[in-house]
């Protein structure tokens, strides 16, 4: 095995700027800054061996910028779009963001069957997302002749959830450490079908969770901060 899986969050979108829960494809396009972010990532990361993206516009545009840097074709893949927030879609008010954060928090604490209102449970997300990563691993990364990284342009909340489950990353760490636009979680395949997380955004292991916060603090902090809720 001689390659890694790079789960890259798309560059900044207009939905991110407006702090909207923009999850239903095709969604918002990249901003000019988002395109610049994708270009900077490409220059730092180097040429990918395979470049895939979700069905969302912001993901396909990010992949297109990266692909253009190296003349690498892009591949659209179903199943790796963002967590679907249902009735909260396209809202950016504090109540909606607080509700999303409260349920997403519960997912990372093991309550995988709790649904977003009219939207997905964590298990719904994992059931469509993880098979894609398994297929990429079996087709390419587990092949001794394969060389190079696979870059998959996807979405922040889905990336954090899937990566924490696959690599056994502590839920508190995943909640406290958002993935910024054009940052990646990097997973390396190891023995027995397992994964090792070798990078989380700007951080490298060991990944220590922050000290537990009082109930509700995580959600309360996320709402007034202006932070993009899907990072």
C-alpha atoms as a PDB file:
ATOM      1  CA  UNK A   1       0.000   0.000   0.000  1.00  0.00           C
ATOM      2  CA  UNK A   2       1.671   3.206  -1.137  1.00  0.00           C
ATOM      3  CA  UNK A   3      -0.861   5.991  -1.132  1.00  0.00           C
ATOM      4  CA  UNK A   4      -3.149   7.949   1.142  1.00  0.00           C
ATOM      5  CA  UNK A   5      -6.772   9.071   1.053  1.00  0.00           C
ATOM      6  CA  UNK A   6      -6.984  12.855   1.219  1.00  0.00           C
ATOM      7  CA  UNK A   7     -10.486  13.996   2.164  1.00  0.00           C
ATOM      8  CA  UNK A   8     -10.404  17.624   1.113  1.00  0.00           C
ATOM      9  CA  UNK A   9     -13.044  20.111   2.087  1.00  0.00           C
ATOM     10  CA  UNK A  10     -14.045  22.320  -0.858  1.00  0.00           C
ATOM     11  CA  UNK A  11     -12.928  25.930  -1.091  1.00  0.00           C
ATOM     12  CA  UNK A  12     -15.024  28.765   0.286  1.00  0.00           C
ATOM     13  CA  UNK A  13     -18.512  28.938  -1.219  1.00  0.00           C
ATOM     14  CA  UNK A  14     -21.047  31.744  -1.220  1.00  0.00           C
ATOM     15  CA  UNK A  15     -23.085  29.639   1.194  1.00  0.00           C
ATOM     16  CA  UNK A  16     -20.130  29.575   3.603  1.00  0.00           C
ATOM     17  CA  UNK A  17     -19.813  33.362   3.454  1.00  0.00           C
ATOM     18  CA  UNK A  18     -23.476  33.689   4.373  1.00  0.00           C
ATOM     19  CA  UNK A  19     -23.163  31.007   7.108  1.00  0.00           C
ATOM     20  CA  UNK A  20     -25.988  29.077   5.475  1.00  0.00           C
ATOM     21  CA  UNK A  21     -26.789  25.412   5.999  1.00  0.00           C
ATOM     22  CA  UNK A  22     -26.318  24.773   2.293  1.00  0.00           C
ATOM     23  CA  UNK A  23     -26.327  20.970   2.017  1.00  0.00           C
ATOM     24  CA  UNK A  24     -28.699  19.952  -0.777  1.00  0.00           C
ATOM     25  CA  UNK A  25     -26.863  19.474  -4.107  1.00  0.00           C
ATOM     26  CA  UNK A  26     -26.050  21.198  -6.312  1.00  0.00           C
ATOM     27  CA  UNK A  27     -25.693  24.076  -3.835  1.00  0.00           C
ATOM     28  CA  UNK A  28     -23.682  27.280  -4.013  1.00  0.00           C
ATOM     29  CA  UNK A  29     -20.650  27.972  -6.185  1.00  0.00           C
ATOM     30  CA  UNK A  30     -17.132  28.885  -5.060  1.00  0.00           C
ATOM     31  CA  UNK A  31     -16.194  32.465  -4.300  1.00  0.00           C
ATOM     32  CA  UNK A  32     -13.022  33.899  -5.906  1.00  0.00           C
ATOM     33  CA  UNK A  33     -11.295  33.251  -2.577  1.00  0.00           C
ATOM     34  CA  UNK A  34     -12.486  29.649  -2.721  1.00  0.00           C
ATOM     35  CA  UNK A  35     -10.799  29.211  -6.098  1.00  0.00           C
ATOM     36  CA  UNK A  36      -7.601  30.715  -4.735  1.00  0.00           C
ATOM     37  CA  UNK A  37      -7.753  28.347  -1.760  1.00  0.00           C
ATOM     38  CA  UNK A  38      -8.059  25.354  -4.081  1.00  0.00           C
ATOM     39  CA  UNK A  39      -5.079  26.568  -6.095  1.00  0.00           C
ATOM     40  CA  UNK A  40      -2.943  27.016  -2.974  1.00  0.00           C
ATOM     41  CA  UNK A  41      -3.862  23.506  -1.812  1.00  0.00           C
ATOM     42  CA  UNK A  42      -2.872  22.059  -5.178  1.00  0.00           C
ATOM     43  CA  UNK A  43       0.482  23.796  -5.168  1.00  0.00           C
ATOM     44  CA  UNK A  44       1.256  22.558  -1.650  1.00  0.00           C
ATOM     45  CA  UNK A  45      -0.044  19.010  -2.041  1.00  0.00           C
ATOM     46  CA  UNK A  46       1.317  18.195  -5.471  1.00  0.00           C
ATOM     47  CA  UNK A  47      -0.124  16.059  -8.230  1.00  0.00           C
ATOM     48  CA  UNK A  48      -2.863  13.612  -7.129  1.00  0.00           C
ATOM     49  CA  UNK A  49      -2.922  10.113  -8.561  1.00  0.00           C
ATOM     50  CA  UNK A  50      -6.727  10.261  -8.662  1.00  0.00           C
ATOM     51  CA  UNK A  51      -9.029  13.247  -8.180  1.00  0.00           C
ATOM     52  CA  UNK A  52     -12.678  12.740  -7.243  1.00  0.00           C
ATOM     53  CA  UNK A  53     -15.426  15.055  -6.034  1.00  0.00           C
ATOM     54  CA  UNK A  54     -19.010  15.033  -4.810  1.00  0.00           C
ATOM     55  CA  UNK A  55     -22.010  16.052  -6.909  1.00  0.00           C
ATOM     56  CA  UNK A  56     -22.087  19.549  -5.352  1.00  0.00           C
ATOM     57  CA  UNK A  57     -20.994  22.514  -7.478  1.00  0.00           C
ATOM     58  CA  UNK A  58     -18.520  23.797  -4.868  1.00  0.00           C
ATOM     59  CA  UNK A  59     -16.802  20.401  -4.809  1.00  0.00           C
ATOM     60  CA  UNK A  60     -16.653  19.999  -8.584  1.00  0.00           C
ATOM     61  CA  UNK A  61     -15.288  23.538  -8.978  1.00  0.00           C
ATOM     62  CA  UNK A  62     -12.617  22.893  -6.331  1.00  0.00           C
ATOM     63  CA  UNK A  63     -11.593  19.700  -8.089  1.00  0.00           C
ATOM     64  CA  UNK A  64     -11.527  21.481 -11.444  1.00  0.00           C
ATOM     65  CA  UNK A  65      -9.087  24.083 -10.136  1.00  0.00           C
ATOM     66  CA  UNK A  66      -6.810  21.370  -8.748  1.00  0.00           C
ATOM     67  CA  UNK A  67      -7.090  19.280 -11.885  1.00  0.00           C
ATOM     68  CA  UNK A  68      -6.167  22.255 -14.067  1.00  0.00           C
ATOM     69  CA  UNK A  69      -2.944  22.753 -12.130  1.00  0.00           C
ATOM     70  CA  UNK A  70      -1.706  19.292 -13.119  1.00  0.00           C
ATOM     71  CA  UNK A  71      -3.815  18.395 -16.154  1.00  0.00           C
ATOM     72  CA  UNK A  72      -5.457  15.630 -14.109  1.00  0.00           C
ATOM     73  CA  UNK A  73      -9.030  14.556 -14.967  1.00  0.00           C
ATOM     74  CA  UNK A  74     -11.712  14.805 -12.296  1.00  0.00           C
ATOM     75  CA  UNK A  75     -14.269  12.161 -11.424  1.00  0.00           C
ATOM     76  CA  UNK A  76     -17.727  12.773  -9.945  1.00  0.00           C
ATOM     77  CA  UNK A  77     -18.680  10.273  -7.245  1.00  0.00           C
ATOM     78  CA  UNK A  78     -22.133   9.827  -5.721  1.00  0.00           C
ATOM     79  CA  UNK A  79     -22.626   9.364  -1.993  1.00  0.00           C
ATOM     80  CA  UNK A  80     -20.031  11.772  -0.610  1.00  0.00           C
ATOM     81  CA  UNK A  81     -22.121  14.950  -0.502  1.00  0.00           C
ATOM     82  CA  UNK A  82     -22.699  16.905   2.697  1.00  0.00           C
ATOM     83  CA  UNK A  83     -24.829  15.836   5.665  1.00  0.00           C
ATOM     84  CA  UNK A  84     -28.439  16.532   4.657  1.00  0.00           C
ATOM     85  CA  UNK A  85     -30.062  18.893   7.152  1.00  0.00           C
ATOM     86  CA  UNK A  86     -33.668  18.544   5.934  1.00  0.00           C
ATOM     87  CA  UNK A  87     -35.925  21.271   7.308  1.00  0.00           C
ATOM     88  CA  UNK A  88     -32.902  23.374   8.300  1.00  0.00           C
ATOM     89  CA  UNK A  89     -31.762  23.668   4.673  1.00  0.00           C
ATOM     90  CA  UNK A  90     -30.657  27.135   3.540  1.00  0.00           C
ATOM     91  CA  UNK A  91     -31.175  28.701   6.957  1.00  0.00           C
ATOM     92  CA  UNK A  92     -28.523  30.794   8.677  1.00  0.00           C
ATOM     93  CA  UNK A  93     -30.349  31.951  11.789  1.00  0.00           C
ATOM     94  CA  UNK A  94     -28.947  31.161  15.224  1.00  0.00           C
ATOM     95  CA  UNK A  95     -31.773  28.761  16.112  1.00  0.00           C
ATOM     96  CA  UNK A  96     -31.159  26.594  13.054  1.00  0.00           C
ATOM     97  CA  UNK A  97     -27.403  26.523  13.565  1.00  0.00           C
ATOM     98  CA  UNK A  98     -27.842  25.682  17.241  1.00  0.00           C
ATOM     99  CA  UNK A  99     -30.178  22.799  16.357  1.00  0.00           C
ATOM    100  CA  UNK A 100     -27.753  21.435  13.778  1.00  0.00           C
ATOM    101  CA  UNK A 101     -24.826  21.661  16.186  1.00  0.00           C
ATOM    102  CA  UNK A 102     -26.751  20.018  19.001  1.00  0.00           C
ATOM    103  CA  UNK A 103     -27.612  16.968  16.888  1.00  0.00           C
ATOM    104  CA  UNK A 104     -24.182  16.774  15.243  1.00  0.00           C
ATOM    105  CA  UNK A 105     -22.673  16.864  18.741  1.00  0.00           C
ATOM    106  CA  UNK A 106     -24.821  13.874  19.739  1.00  0.00           C
ATOM    107  CA  UNK A 107     -23.626  11.929  16.697  1.00  0.00           C
ATOM    108  CA  UNK A 108     -20.012  12.280  17.775  1.00  0.00           C
ATOM    109  CA  UNK A 109     -20.977  11.066  21.228  1.00  0.00           C
ATOM    110  CA  UNK A 110     -22.371   7.835  19.828  1.00  0.00           C
ATOM    111  CA  UNK A 111     -26.057   8.624  19.154  1.00  0.00           C
ATOM    112  CA  UNK A 112     -25.890   7.703  15.480  1.00  0.00           C
ATOM    113  CA  UNK A 113     -29.627   7.182  14.960  1.00  0.00           C
ATOM    114  CA  UNK A 114     -30.699  10.705  15.973  1.00  0.00           C
ATOM    115  CA  UNK A 115     -32.099  12.447  12.852  1.00  0.00           C
ATOM    116  CA  UNK A 116     -31.830  16.038  11.842  1.00  0.00           C
ATOM    117  CA  UNK A 117     -35.403  17.379  11.414  1.00  0.00           C
ATOM    118  CA  UNK A 118     -36.550  15.968   8.086  1.00  0.00           C
ATOM    119  CA  UNK A 119     -32.931  15.091   7.326  1.00  0.00           C
ATOM    120  CA  UNK A 120     -30.354  12.371   7.857  1.00  0.00           C
ATOM    121  CA  UNK A 121     -29.103  10.434  10.834  1.00  0.00           C
ATOM    122  CA  UNK A 122     -25.379   9.814  11.256  1.00  0.00           C
ATOM    123  CA  UNK A 123     -25.964   6.233  10.155  1.00  0.00           C
ATOM    124  CA  UNK A 124     -27.634   7.490   6.971  1.00  0.00           C
ATOM    125  CA  UNK A 125     -24.546   9.549   6.175  1.00  0.00           C
ATOM    126  CA  UNK A 126     -22.135   6.723   6.973  1.00  0.00           C
ATOM    127  CA  UNK A 127     -24.160   4.181   4.983  1.00  0.00           C
ATOM    128  CA  UNK A 128     -23.716   6.186   1.769  1.00  0.00           C
ATOM    129  CA  UNK A 129     -20.283   7.669   2.466  1.00  0.00           C
ATOM    130  CA  UNK A 130     -18.131   4.828   3.813  1.00  0.00           C
ATOM    131  CA  UNK A 131     -18.742   2.379   0.922  1.00  0.00           C
ATOM    132  CA  UNK A 132     -17.250   4.953  -1.465  1.00  0.00           C
ATOM    133  CA  UNK A 133     -14.064   5.115   0.587  1.00  0.00           C
ATOM    134  CA  UNK A 134     -13.926   1.339   0.895  1.00  0.00           C
ATOM    135  CA  UNK A 135     -14.256   0.989  -2.874  1.00  0.00           C
ATOM    136  CA  UNK A 136     -11.405   3.449  -3.461  1.00  0.00           C
ATOM    137  CA  UNK A 137      -9.271   1.555  -1.015  1.00  0.00           C
ATOM    138  CA  UNK A 138      -9.965  -1.847  -2.530  1.00  0.00           C
ATOM    139  CA  UNK A 139      -9.537  -0.666  -6.121  1.00  0.00           C
ATOM    140  CA  UNK A 140      -6.393   1.384  -5.626  1.00  0.00           C
ATOM    141  CA  UNK A 141      -4.794   1.833  -2.213  1.00  0.00           C
ATOM    142  CA  UNK A 142      -4.652  -1.889  -1.365  1.00  0.00           C
ATOM    143  CA  UNK A 143      -2.926  -2.566  -4.686  1.00  0.00           C
ATOM    144  CA  UNK A 144       0.812  -2.953  -4.106  1.00  0.00           C
ATOM    145  CA  UNK A 145       1.471  -1.387  -7.504  1.00  0.00           C
ATOM    146  CA  UNK A 146      -0.498   1.773  -6.743  1.00  0.00           C
ATOM    147  CA  UNK A 147       1.460   4.948  -6.026  1.00  0.00           C
ATOM    148  CA  UNK A 148       0.213   8.408  -5.129  1.00  0.00           C
ATOM    149  CA  UNK A 149      -2.553  10.007  -3.127  1.00  0.00           C
ATOM    150  CA  UNK A 150      -6.255   9.930  -3.891  1.00  0.00           C
ATOM    151  CA  UNK A 151      -7.824  13.352  -3.343  1.00  0.00           C
ATOM    152  CA  UNK A 152     -11.566  13.318  -2.687  1.00  0.00           C
ATOM    153  CA  UNK A 153     -13.184  16.761  -2.597  1.00  0.00           C
ATOM    154  CA  UNK A 154     -16.052  16.565  -0.159  1.00  0.00           C
ATOM    155  CA  UNK A 155     -17.658  18.479   2.726  1.00  0.00           C
ATOM    156  CA  UNK A 156     -16.695  19.437   6.244  1.00  0.00           C
ATOM    157  CA  UNK A 157     -19.329  17.865   8.478  1.00  0.00           C
ATOM    158  CA  UNK A 158     -19.388  14.622   6.493  1.00  0.00           C
ATOM    159  CA  UNK A 159     -15.578  14.420   6.414  1.00  0.00           C
ATOM    160  CA  UNK A 160     -15.267  14.857  10.182  1.00  0.00           C
ATOM    161  CA  UNK A 161     -17.932  12.248  10.899  1.00  0.00           C
ATOM    162  CA  UNK A 162     -16.593   9.618   8.491  1.00  0.00           C
ATOM    163  CA  UNK A 163     -12.961  10.172   9.457  1.00  0.00           C
ATOM    164  CA  UNK A 164     -13.634   9.932  13.167  1.00  0.00           C
ATOM    165  CA  UNK A 165     -15.455   6.641  12.677  1.00  0.00           C
ATOM    166  CA  UNK A 166     -12.912   5.113  10.290  1.00  0.00           C
ATOM    167  CA  UNK A 167      -9.784   6.100  12.196  1.00  0.00           C
ATOM    168  CA  UNK A 168     -11.136   5.986  15.749  1.00  0.00           C
ATOM    169  CA  UNK A 169     -10.571   9.701  16.332  1.00  0.00           C
ATOM    170  CA  UNK A 170     -12.070  10.935  19.604  1.00  0.00           C
ATOM    171  CA  UNK A 171     -15.465  12.580  19.120  1.00  0.00           C
ATOM    172  CA  UNK A 172     -14.559  15.529  21.331  1.00  0.00           C
ATOM    173  CA  UNK A 173     -11.516  16.208  19.160  1.00  0.00           C
ATOM    174  CA  UNK A 174     -13.592  16.018  15.983  1.00  0.00           C
ATOM    175  CA  UNK A 175     -16.136  18.450  17.409  1.00  0.00           C
ATOM    176  CA  UNK A 176     -13.547  20.919  18.633  1.00  0.00           C
ATOM    177  CA  UNK A 177     -11.452  20.919  15.474  1.00  0.00           C
ATOM    178  CA  UNK A 178     -13.344  22.048  12.396  1.00  0.00           C
ATOM    179  CA  UNK A 179     -11.907  21.489   8.926  1.00  0.00           C
ATOM    180  CA  UNK A 180     -11.485  24.835   7.209  1.00  0.00           C
ATOM    181  CA  UNK A 181     -12.113  25.439   3.520  1.00  0.00           C
ATOM    182  CA  UNK A 182      -9.468  23.700   1.375  1.00  0.00           C
ATOM    183  CA  UNK A 183      -8.098  21.803   4.372  1.00  0.00           C
ATOM    184  CA  UNK A 184      -8.020  18.017   4.485  1.00  0.00           C
ATOM    185  CA  UNK A 185      -8.210  15.024   6.731  1.00  0.00           C
ATOM    186  CA  UNK A 186      -5.621  12.518   5.521  1.00  0.00           C
ATOM    187  CA  UNK A 187      -6.131   8.794   6.133  1.00  0.00           C
ATOM    188  CA  UNK A 188      -3.533   6.116   5.533  1.00  0.00           C
ATOM    189  CA  UNK A 189      -4.589   2.483   5.047  1.00  0.00           C
ATOM    190  CA  UNK A 190      -3.078   0.092   7.551  1.00  0.00           C
ATOM    191  CA  UNK A 191      -3.454  -3.634   8.201  1.00  0.00           C
ATOM    192  CA  UNK A 192      -6.738  -5.528   8.569  1.00  0.00           C
ATOM    193  CA  UNK A 193      -8.749  -2.908   6.690  1.00  0.00           C
ATOM    194  CA  UNK A 194      -8.126  -0.242   9.302  1.00  0.00           C
ATOM    195  CA  UNK A 195      -7.143   3.403   8.781  1.00  0.00           C
ATOM    196  CA  UNK A 196      -4.717   5.727  10.523  1.00  0.00           C
ATOM    197  CA  UNK A 197      -5.428   9.450  10.585  1.00  0.00           C
ATOM    198  CA  UNK A 198      -2.126  11.169   9.771  1.00  0.00           C
ATOM    199  CA  UNK A 199      -3.421  14.734   9.427  1.00  0.00           C
ATOM    200  CA  UNK A 200      -6.510  16.622  10.537  1.00  0.00           C
ATOM    201  CA  UNK A 201      -6.519  20.049   8.949  1.00  0.00           C
ATOM    202  CA  UNK A 202      -3.327  21.686  10.174  1.00  0.00           C
ATOM    203  CA  UNK A 203      -2.874  19.142  12.996  1.00  0.00           C
ATOM    204  CA  UNK A 204      -0.870  15.924  13.150  1.00  0.00           C
ATOM    205  CA  UNK A 205      -1.194  13.073  15.669  1.00  0.00           C
ATOM    206  CA  UNK A 206      -1.461  12.408  18.490  1.00  0.00           C
ATOM    207  CA  UNK A 207      -4.921  13.980  18.498  1.00  0.00           C
ATOM    208  CA  UNK A 208      -5.761  14.881  22.064  1.00  0.00           C
ATOM    209  CA  UNK A 209      -9.311  15.990  22.810  1.00  0.00           C
ATOM    210  CA  UNK A 210      -9.834  19.215  24.678  1.00  0.00           C
ATOM    211  CA  UNK A 211     -11.036  19.070  28.235  1.00  0.00           C
ATOM    212  CA  UNK A 212     -14.782  18.335  28.386  1.00  0.00           C
ATOM    213  CA  UNK A 213     -16.923  21.443  28.350  1.00  0.00           C
ATOM    214  CA  UNK A 214     -20.127  21.987  30.354  1.00  0.00           C
ATOM    215  CA  UNK A 215     -23.247  20.747  28.576  1.00  0.00           C
ATOM    216  CA  UNK A 216     -24.368  23.133  25.873  1.00  0.00           C
ATOM    217  CA  UNK A 217     -21.164  25.179  25.743  1.00  0.00           C
ATOM    218  CA  UNK A 218     -20.029  23.756  22.411  1.00  0.00           C
ATOM    219  CA  UNK A 219     -23.298  24.685  20.745  1.00  0.00           C
ATOM    220  CA  UNK A 220     -23.534  28.078  22.406  1.00  0.00           C
ATOM    221  CA  UNK A 221     -19.975  28.946  21.339  1.00  0.00           C
ATOM    222  CA  UNK A 222     -20.604  27.940  17.731  1.00  0.00           C
ATOM    223  CA  UNK A 223     -23.628  30.151  17.179  1.00  0.00           C
ATOM    224  CA  UNK A 224     -22.402  33.689  17.989  1.00  0.00           C
ATOM    225  CA  UNK A 225     -18.857  33.071  16.755  1.00  0.00           C
ATOM    226  CA  UNK A 226     -19.795  33.451  13.097  1.00  0.00           C
ATOM    227  CA  UNK A 227     -18.061  30.151  12.371  1.00  0.00           C
ATOM    228  CA  UNK A 228     -19.272  28.270   9.343  1.00  0.00           C
ATOM    229  CA  UNK A 229     -21.383  25.506  10.944  1.00  0.00           C
ATOM    230  CA  UNK A 230     -20.483  22.895   8.322  1.00  0.00           C
ATOM    231  CA  UNK A 231     -16.704  23.108   8.648  1.00  0.00           C
END
